[in-house]
Protein backbone atom coordinates (compact mmCIF):
# COMPACT_ATOMS: atom_id res chain seq x y z
CA MET A 1 -14.77 -5.29 -39.06
CA VAL A 2 -17.46 -4.13 -36.62
CA GLY A 3 -17.14 -4.77 -32.89
CA ARG A 4 -19.24 -3.97 -29.86
CA THR A 5 -16.79 -3.70 -26.99
CA GLY A 6 -18.83 -1.70 -24.52
CA TYR A 7 -15.71 0.12 -23.29
CA THR A 8 -17.63 3.27 -22.33
CA GLY A 9 -20.63 1.47 -20.98
CA GLU A 10 -22.80 3.15 -23.61
CA ASP A 11 -24.44 1.66 -26.69
CA GLY A 12 -22.29 1.90 -29.73
CA PHE A 13 -19.98 0.12 -32.22
CA GLU A 14 -16.31 0.05 -32.99
CA LEU A 15 -15.29 0.07 -36.61
CA VAL A 16 -11.91 -1.18 -37.87
CA VAL A 17 -11.15 -0.22 -41.48
CA PRO A 18 -8.06 -0.68 -43.75
CA PRO A 19 -5.27 1.72 -42.86
CA ARG A 20 -5.45 3.78 -45.99
CA THR A 21 -9.21 4.30 -46.02
CA PRO A 22 -10.28 5.72 -42.66
CA TRP A 23 -11.07 9.12 -43.97
CA ARG A 24 -12.94 7.90 -46.92
CA SER A 25 -14.90 5.48 -44.68
CA GLY A 26 -15.44 8.13 -42.08
CA SER A 27 -16.85 10.58 -44.62
CA ALA A 28 -19.25 7.99 -46.00
CA LEU A 29 -20.48 7.12 -42.53
CA ALA A 30 -20.84 10.77 -41.58
CA ALA A 31 -22.87 11.36 -44.88
CA ALA A 32 -25.17 8.48 -43.82
CA GLY A 33 -25.79 10.11 -40.43
CA VAL A 34 -23.36 8.18 -38.26
CA ARG A 35 -21.86 10.23 -35.40
CA PRO A 36 -18.09 9.65 -34.88
CA CYS A 37 -16.93 8.87 -31.43
CA GLY A 38 -13.35 7.71 -31.50
CA LEU A 39 -11.30 8.03 -28.27
CA GLY A 40 -10.32 11.56 -28.96
CA ALA A 41 -13.78 12.58 -30.21
CA ARG A 42 -15.38 10.82 -27.25
CA HIS A 43 -13.22 12.61 -24.73
CA ALA A 44 -13.67 15.99 -26.42
CA ALA A 45 -17.44 15.54 -26.72
CA ALA A 46 -17.78 14.59 -23.11
CA GLY A 47 -15.46 17.16 -21.72
CA SER A 48 -13.70 14.56 -19.54
CA ARG A 49 -12.22 11.13 -19.55
CA ASP A 50 -14.71 9.62 -17.13
CA GLU A 51 -16.92 7.48 -19.42
CA PRO A 52 -15.25 4.05 -18.64
CA LEU A 53 -15.11 4.92 -14.96
CA ARG A 54 -18.85 6.07 -14.97
CA ALA A 55 -19.72 2.69 -16.38
CA GLY A 56 -17.88 0.94 -13.56
CA HIS A 57 -15.07 -0.16 -15.90
CA GLY A 58 -11.45 0.31 -14.71
CA ARG A 59 -9.13 2.56 -16.70
CA HIS A 60 -5.82 1.04 -15.75
CA HIS A 61 -4.21 -2.36 -15.19
CA ARG A 62 -4.32 -1.79 -11.43
CA ASP A 63 -8.15 -1.80 -11.75
CA ALA A 64 -7.95 -5.44 -12.84
CA ALA A 65 -5.79 -6.48 -9.90
CA GLY A 66 -7.84 -8.56 -7.43
CA ILE A 67 -10.01 -10.06 -10.22
CA GLY A 68 -9.88 -13.37 -8.28
CA PRO A 69 -13.62 -13.42 -7.55
CA GLY A 70 -14.30 -13.72 -11.30
CA LEU A 71 -12.14 -16.78 -11.64
CA ASP A 72 -13.29 -20.37 -11.42
CA ARG A 73 -12.16 -21.19 -7.87
CA ARG A 74 -13.50 -24.77 -7.79
CA PRO A 75 -10.52 -27.12 -7.25
CA ARG A 76 -11.66 -29.55 -9.91
CA GLY A 77 -13.60 -27.05 -12.00
CA PRO A 78 -13.51 -27.23 -15.79
CA ARG A 79 -11.17 -24.28 -16.08
CA ASP A 80 -7.65 -24.99 -14.92
CA PHE A 81 -4.88 -22.39 -15.14
CA VAL A 82 -1.34 -21.81 -13.99
CA GLY A 83 -1.41 -20.52 -10.39
CA LYS A 84 -4.90 -21.80 -9.64
CA ALA A 85 -3.63 -23.81 -6.57
CA ALA A 86 -1.94 -20.65 -5.17
CA LEU A 87 -5.08 -18.62 -5.70
CA LEU A 88 -7.30 -21.24 -3.99
CA ALA A 89 -4.87 -21.22 -0.94
CA GLN A 90 -5.57 -17.48 -0.37
CA ALA A 91 -8.62 -15.73 0.96
CA ALA A 92 -9.63 -12.69 -1.03
CA PRO A 93 -8.83 -9.90 1.47
CA ARG A 94 -10.25 -7.09 -0.57
CA GLN A 95 -13.22 -6.32 -2.78
CA PHE A 96 -13.75 -3.77 -5.56
CA LEU A 97 -16.44 -1.07 -5.07
CA GLY A 98 -17.27 2.38 -6.06
CA LEU A 99 -16.92 5.60 -4.07
CA LEU A 100 -18.86 8.88 -4.32
CA LEU A 101 -17.14 11.96 -2.75
CA MET A 102 -19.59 13.65 -0.36
CA ASP A 103 -17.26 16.52 0.96
CA LYS A 104 -16.25 19.48 -1.12
CA GLY A 105 -12.54 20.28 -1.57
CA GLY A 106 -11.08 17.57 -3.69
CA VAL A 107 -11.24 15.12 -6.47
CA LEU A 108 -10.80 11.33 -6.05
CA ARG A 109 -7.61 10.07 -7.80
CA SER A 110 -5.64 6.83 -8.09
CA HIS A 111 -3.56 5.77 -5.01
CA GLN A 112 -5.38 7.83 -2.46
CA LYS A 113 -5.94 5.98 0.83
CA VAL A 114 -9.41 4.92 1.85
CA HIS A 115 -10.06 4.65 5.60
CA THR A 116 -12.86 2.28 6.63
CA GLY A 117 -14.06 0.79 9.82
CA ARG A 118 -12.47 -2.48 8.72
CA GLY A 119 -9.01 -1.16 7.71
CA GLU A 120 -7.45 0.69 4.84
CA GLY A 121 -8.17 0.44 1.15
CA GLU A 122 -6.94 2.24 -1.99
CA ILE A 123 -8.46 4.11 -4.91
CA THR A 124 -7.43 2.51 -8.24
CA SER A 125 -9.15 5.07 -10.57
CA GLY A 126 -10.91 8.30 -9.86
CA THR A 127 -12.13 11.51 -11.45
CA PHE A 128 -14.85 14.23 -11.41
CA ALA A 129 -17.89 12.94 -13.36
CA PRO A 130 -19.96 15.70 -14.90
CA THR A 131 -22.95 13.31 -15.44
CA VAL A 132 -22.99 12.49 -11.74
CA GLY A 133 -21.90 15.98 -10.71
CA GLN A 134 -19.53 14.64 -8.16
CA SER A 135 -16.15 13.00 -7.91
CA ILE A 136 -16.26 9.17 -8.25
CA ALA A 137 -13.75 6.34 -7.87
CA LEU A 138 -13.23 2.67 -8.06
CA ALA A 139 -11.48 1.36 -4.97
CA ARG A 140 -10.13 -1.84 -3.54
CA VAL A 141 -11.55 -1.98 0.01
CA PRO A 142 -11.63 -4.54 2.92
CA LEU A 143 -14.24 -7.24 2.85
CA GLY A 144 -17.31 -6.35 4.94
CA ILE A 145 -17.58 -2.87 3.41
CA ALA A 146 -20.93 -2.49 1.52
CA PRO A 147 -22.78 0.06 -0.60
CA GLY A 148 -24.18 2.77 1.62
CA ASP A 149 -21.24 2.62 4.12
CA ALA A 150 -19.39 5.88 4.90
CA VAL A 151 -15.57 6.00 4.49
CA GLU A 152 -12.91 8.66 4.41
CA VAL A 153 -10.44 9.33 1.65
CA GLU A 154 -7.07 11.12 2.09
CA VAL A 155 -7.05 14.10 -0.41
CA ARG A 156 -4.11 16.43 -0.03
CA ASP A 157 -3.42 15.59 3.60
CA LYS A 158 -7.05 15.87 4.77
CA ARG A 159 -9.77 13.25 5.19
CA LEU A 160 -12.93 13.77 3.09
CA ARG A 161 -16.10 11.82 3.47
CA ALA A 162 -17.20 9.35 0.72
CA ARG A 163 -20.09 6.96 0.39
CA VAL A 164 -19.57 3.49 -0.94
CA VAL A 165 -21.70 2.64 -3.98
CA LYS A 166 -22.03 -0.23 -6.46
CA PRO A 167 -20.92 0.65 -10.00
CA PRO A 168 -21.90 1.59 -12.53
CA PHE A 169 -22.28 5.23 -11.63
CA ALA A 170 -24.05 6.32 -14.86
CA ARG A 171 -25.62 4.83 -18.01
CA HIS A 172 -26.98 6.31 -21.22
CA GLY A 173 -25.90 9.77 -20.02
CA LYS A 174 -27.93 9.57 -16.74
CA SER A 175 -26.69 9.19 -13.13
CA LEU A 176 -27.55 5.90 -11.53
CA ILE A 177 -26.55 7.22 -8.04
CA ALA A 178 -29.53 7.59 -5.68
């Protein structure tokens, strides 16, 4: 089976082969010039685990929390689901944006507090991104915060400056951060 999941944000394919034939299949593909890039190979080749994050994809279940804006919120819309009425009764108090660390002295990580002019937020995933050359993160921040805004992140009991950006951070091995 061949799939194209886009997990890393880069072009590529995912192959699923019978359990007893992966090495034989892999050898045949390598002989044909296909470069392997399984999770382990991808991480080792890149030197970090930042690919999904660089592409603006969350790496953890907590990144999916607050996905409400992607749901059909029309009361009589074609897509009904359990809990829709409760979702419609709530305003979405947070939005999901990217952060780029501007100050030296830290790396953005999950659960760090984000201080904004409109209240606090929280980083859901963060890492140092070699392609970007800086620490990046996905964060849940208050509504009204926009790309280009300056915020502060608590890193080891000190506040470091970060800039709000719109993911993705990189694509095709090149930084998209201006």
